[in-house]
Amino acid sequence: VQLQASGGGLVQAGGSLRLSCIPSTRTFSSHIMGWFRQVPGKERDFVAAIRWGTTRTYYADSVKGRFTISRDSAKNTVYLQMDSLKPDDTAVYYCARTNSYSTFWRDYDIWGQGTLVTVSS
């Protein structure tokens, strides 16, 4: 299984970006899709997750109210809508999949290649 992430780029503070992640195989209701981010020298941090079957969502406190995770089952795609971006949101963003909800990156077994988001002040 491969996860293809896209949508990163350069944006000014206060702007928006939408990330997309497309798995190479069908996503099942038991799967949880997550987004993480990482800056050099730091661990990968949890951003958001969504249960594919129920669409229940989870967010890190740092992005709550600004980011929205969603999925389109017909397109087999998960999205991360990022609004009111701040320079602190600058990172490489990764999508990942797990069968058991967690905010710890090691609990996710399938990963995308990462997409760089840069927020300028």
C-alpha atoms as a PDB file:
ATOM      1  CA  VAL A   1       0.000   0.000   0.000  1.00  0.00           C
ATOM      2  CA  GLN A   2       1.235   3.474  -0.859  1.00  0.00           C
ATOM      3  CA  LEU A   3      -0.096   6.854   0.237  1.00  0.00           C
ATOM      4  CA  GLN A   4       0.307   9.740  -2.172  1.00  0.00           C
ATOM      5  CA  ALA A   5       0.252  13.096  -0.421  1.00  0.00           C
ATOM      6  CA  SER A   6       0.063  16.418  -2.233  1.00  0.00           C
ATOM      7  CA  GLY A   7      -0.988  20.030  -1.845  1.00  0.00           C
ATOM      8  CA  GLY A   8       1.859  21.556   0.095  1.00  0.00           C
ATOM      9  CA  GLY A   9       3.409  24.868  -0.832  1.00  0.00           C
ATOM     10  CA  LEU A  10       4.298  28.366   0.261  1.00  0.00           C
ATOM     11  CA  VAL A  11       1.590  30.546   1.774  1.00  0.00           C
ATOM     12  CA  GLN A  12       1.483  33.735   3.792  1.00  0.00           C
ATOM     13  CA  ALA A  13       0.374  33.750   7.390  1.00  0.00           C
ATOM     14  CA  GLY A  14      -3.394  33.799   7.572  1.00  0.00           C
ATOM     15  CA  GLY A  15      -3.730  31.917   4.318  1.00  0.00           C
ATOM     16  CA  SER A  16      -5.061  28.474   3.518  1.00  0.00           C
ATOM     17  CA  LEU A  17      -3.919  25.248   1.921  1.00  0.00           C
ATOM     18  CA  ARG A  18      -5.591  21.916   1.329  1.00  0.00           C
ATOM     19  CA  LEU A  19      -3.592  18.724   1.489  1.00  0.00           C
ATOM     20  CA  SER A  20      -4.748  15.523  -0.166  1.00  0.00           C
ATOM     21  CA  CYS A  21      -3.772  11.928   0.442  1.00  0.00           C
ATOM     22  CA  ILE A  22      -4.731   9.077  -1.859  1.00  0.00           C
ATOM     23  CA  PRO A  23      -4.048   5.483  -0.844  1.00  0.00           C
ATOM     24  CA  SER A  24      -3.111   3.105  -3.653  1.00  0.00           C
ATOM     25  CA  THR A  25      -5.598   0.523  -2.378  1.00  0.00           C
ATOM     26  CA  ARG A  26      -9.137   0.755  -1.089  1.00  0.00           C
ATOM     27  CA  THR A  27      -9.607   2.238   2.383  1.00  0.00           C
ATOM     28  CA  PHE A  28     -11.878   0.236   4.661  1.00  0.00           C
ATOM     29  CA  SER A  29     -14.177   1.361   7.439  1.00  0.00           C
ATOM     30  CA  SER A  30     -11.804  -0.078  10.015  1.00  0.00           C
ATOM     31  CA  HIS A  31      -8.990   2.220   8.921  1.00  0.00           C
ATOM     32  CA  ILE A  32      -8.040   5.475  10.580  1.00  0.00           C
ATOM     33  CA  MET A  33      -6.282   8.027   8.413  1.00  0.00           C
ATOM     34  CA  GLY A  34      -4.054  10.565  10.087  1.00  0.00           C
ATOM     35  CA  TRP A  35      -1.975  13.592   9.337  1.00  0.00           C
ATOM     36  CA  PHE A  36       1.309  14.274  11.107  1.00  0.00           C
ATOM     37  CA  ARG A  37       3.913  16.969  10.697  1.00  0.00           C
ATOM     38  CA  GLN A  38       7.594  17.171  11.334  1.00  0.00           C
ATOM     39  CA  VAL A  39      10.215  19.881  11.490  1.00  0.00           C
ATOM     40  CA  PRO A  40      13.949  19.123  11.374  1.00  0.00           C
ATOM     41  CA  GLY A  41      15.318  17.816  14.640  1.00  0.00           C
ATOM     42  CA  LYS A  42      11.923  17.078  16.160  1.00  0.00           C
ATOM     43  CA  GLU A  43       9.652  14.087  16.379  1.00  0.00           C
ATOM     44  CA  ARG A  44       6.693  13.661  14.095  1.00  0.00           C
ATOM     45  CA  ASP A  45       3.688  15.345  15.721  1.00  0.00           C
ATOM     46  CA  PHE A  46       0.054  14.362  15.445  1.00  0.00           C
ATOM     47  CA  VAL A  47      -2.137  16.863  13.627  1.00  0.00           C
ATOM     48  CA  ALA A  48      -5.488  15.193  12.930  1.00  0.00           C
ATOM     49  CA  ALA A  49      -7.129  11.857  12.250  1.00  0.00           C
ATOM     50  CA  ILE A  50     -10.396  10.538  10.897  1.00  0.00           C
ATOM     51  CA  ARG A  51     -12.113   7.201  11.209  1.00  0.00           C
ATOM     52  CA  TRP A  52     -12.934   6.142   7.678  1.00  0.00           C
ATOM     53  CA  GLY A  53     -16.154   4.371   8.584  1.00  0.00           C
ATOM     54  CA  THR A  54     -17.769   6.782  11.080  1.00  0.00           C
ATOM     55  CA  THR A  55     -15.901   9.962   9.985  1.00  0.00           C
ATOM     56  CA  ARG A  56     -15.237  10.763  13.627  1.00  0.00           C
ATOM     57  CA  THR A  57     -12.404  13.261  13.752  1.00  0.00           C
ATOM     58  CA  TYR A  58      -9.606  14.051  16.166  1.00  0.00           C
ATOM     59  CA  TYR A  59      -7.352  17.106  16.335  1.00  0.00           C
ATOM     60  CA  ALA A  60      -4.263  18.301  18.097  1.00  0.00           C
ATOM     61  CA  ASP A  61      -5.001  21.275  20.324  1.00  0.00           C
ATOM     62  CA  SER A  62      -2.629  23.416  18.281  1.00  0.00           C
ATOM     63  CA  VAL A  63      -4.762  23.119  15.133  1.00  0.00           C
ATOM     64  CA  LYS A  64      -8.261  22.773  16.563  1.00  0.00           C
ATOM     65  CA  GLY A  65     -10.582  25.318  15.000  1.00  0.00           C
ATOM     66  CA  ARG A  66      -8.176  26.052  12.140  1.00  0.00           C
ATOM     67  CA  PHE A  67      -7.685  22.680  10.418  1.00  0.00           C
ATOM     68  CA  THR A  68     -10.349  20.291   9.163  1.00  0.00           C
ATOM     69  CA  ILE A  69      -9.796  16.668   8.229  1.00  0.00           C
ATOM     70  CA  SER A  70     -12.292  14.993   5.946  1.00  0.00           C
ATOM     71  CA  ARG A  71     -12.577  12.104   3.550  1.00  0.00           C
ATOM     72  CA  ASP A  72     -14.264  11.385   0.267  1.00  0.00           C
ATOM     73  CA  SER A  73     -14.961   7.678   0.104  1.00  0.00           C
ATOM     74  CA  ALA A  74     -15.897   7.791  -3.592  1.00  0.00           C
ATOM     75  CA  LYS A  75     -12.468   9.228  -4.397  1.00  0.00           C
ATOM     76  CA  ASN A  76     -10.722   7.205  -1.686  1.00  0.00           C
ATOM     77  CA  THR A  77      -9.075  10.437  -0.589  1.00  0.00           C
ATOM     78  CA  VAL A  78      -8.469  12.118   2.743  1.00  0.00           C
ATOM     79  CA  TYR A  79      -8.045  15.870   2.977  1.00  0.00           C
ATOM     80  CA  LEU A  80      -6.572  18.305   5.442  1.00  0.00           C
ATOM     81  CA  GLN A  81      -7.978  21.806   5.017  1.00  0.00           C
ATOM     82  CA  MET A  82      -5.668  24.239   6.751  1.00  0.00           C
ATOM     83  CA  ASP A  83      -6.949  27.752   7.411  1.00  0.00           C
ATOM     84  CA  SER A  84      -5.548  30.693   9.362  1.00  0.00           C
ATOM     85  CA  LEU A  85      -2.075  29.295   8.870  1.00  0.00           C
ATOM     86  CA  LYS A  86       0.721  30.468  11.122  1.00  0.00           C
ATOM     87  CA  PRO A  87       4.503  30.361  10.647  1.00  0.00           C
ATOM     88  CA  ASP A  88       4.592  27.696  13.384  1.00  0.00           C
ATOM     89  CA  ASP A  89       2.620  25.422  11.037  1.00  0.00           C
ATOM     90  CA  THR A  90       5.644  25.219   8.743  1.00  0.00           C
ATOM     91  CA  ALA A  91       6.623  21.550   8.472  1.00  0.00           C
ATOM     92  CA  VAL A  92       6.627  18.494   6.272  1.00  0.00           C
ATOM     93  CA  TYR A  93       3.153  17.001   6.479  1.00  0.00           C
ATOM     94  CA  TYR A  94       2.646  13.257   6.255  1.00  0.00           C
ATOM     95  CA  CYS A  95      -0.471  11.196   5.878  1.00  0.00           C
ATOM     96  CA  ALA A  96      -0.591   7.797   7.476  1.00  0.00           C
ATOM     97  CA  ARG A  97      -2.884   4.876   8.169  1.00  0.00           C
ATOM     98  CA  THR A  98      -3.563   2.759  11.195  1.00  0.00           C
ATOM     99  CA  ASN A  99      -6.129   0.223  12.368  1.00  0.00           C
ATOM    100  CA  SER A 100      -6.243   1.558  15.911  1.00  0.00           C
ATOM    101  CA  TYR A 101      -6.582   5.233  16.758  1.00  0.00           C
ATOM    102  CA  SER A 102      -3.497   6.828  18.238  1.00  0.00           C
ATOM    103  CA  THR A 103      -1.773  10.183  18.350  1.00  0.00           C
ATOM    104  CA  PHE A 104       1.646   8.478  18.410  1.00  0.00           C
ATOM    105  CA  TRP A 105       3.296   8.223  15.030  1.00  0.00           C
ATOM    106  CA  ARG A 106       4.822   4.812  15.714  1.00  0.00           C
ATOM    107  CA  ASP A 107       1.331   3.306  15.864  1.00  0.00           C
ATOM    108  CA  TYR A 108       0.765   4.101  12.178  1.00  0.00           C
ATOM    109  CA  ASP A 109       2.118   1.482   9.787  1.00  0.00           C
ATOM    110  CA  ILE A 110       1.522   2.967   6.336  1.00  0.00           C
ATOM    111  CA  TRP A 111       3.020   6.373   5.435  1.00  0.00           C
ATOM    112  CA  GLY A 112       3.014   8.781   2.551  1.00  0.00           C
ATOM    113  CA  GLN A 113       6.114  10.566   1.291  1.00  0.00           C
ATOM    114  CA  GLY A 114       5.395  13.939   2.899  1.00  0.00           C
ATOM    115  CA  THR A 115       4.556  17.321   1.466  1.00  0.00           C
ATOM    116  CA  LEU A 116       6.223  20.559   2.559  1.00  0.00           C
ATOM    117  CA  VAL A 117       4.124  23.407   3.912  1.00  0.00           C
ATOM    118  CA  THR A 118       5.872  26.727   4.406  1.00  0.00           C
ATOM    119  CA  VAL A 119       4.060  29.630   6.050  1.00  0.00           C
ATOM    120  CA  SER A 120       5.752  33.001   5.752  1.00  0.00           C
ATOM    121  CA  SER A 121       5.225  35.803   8.240  1.00  0.00           C
END
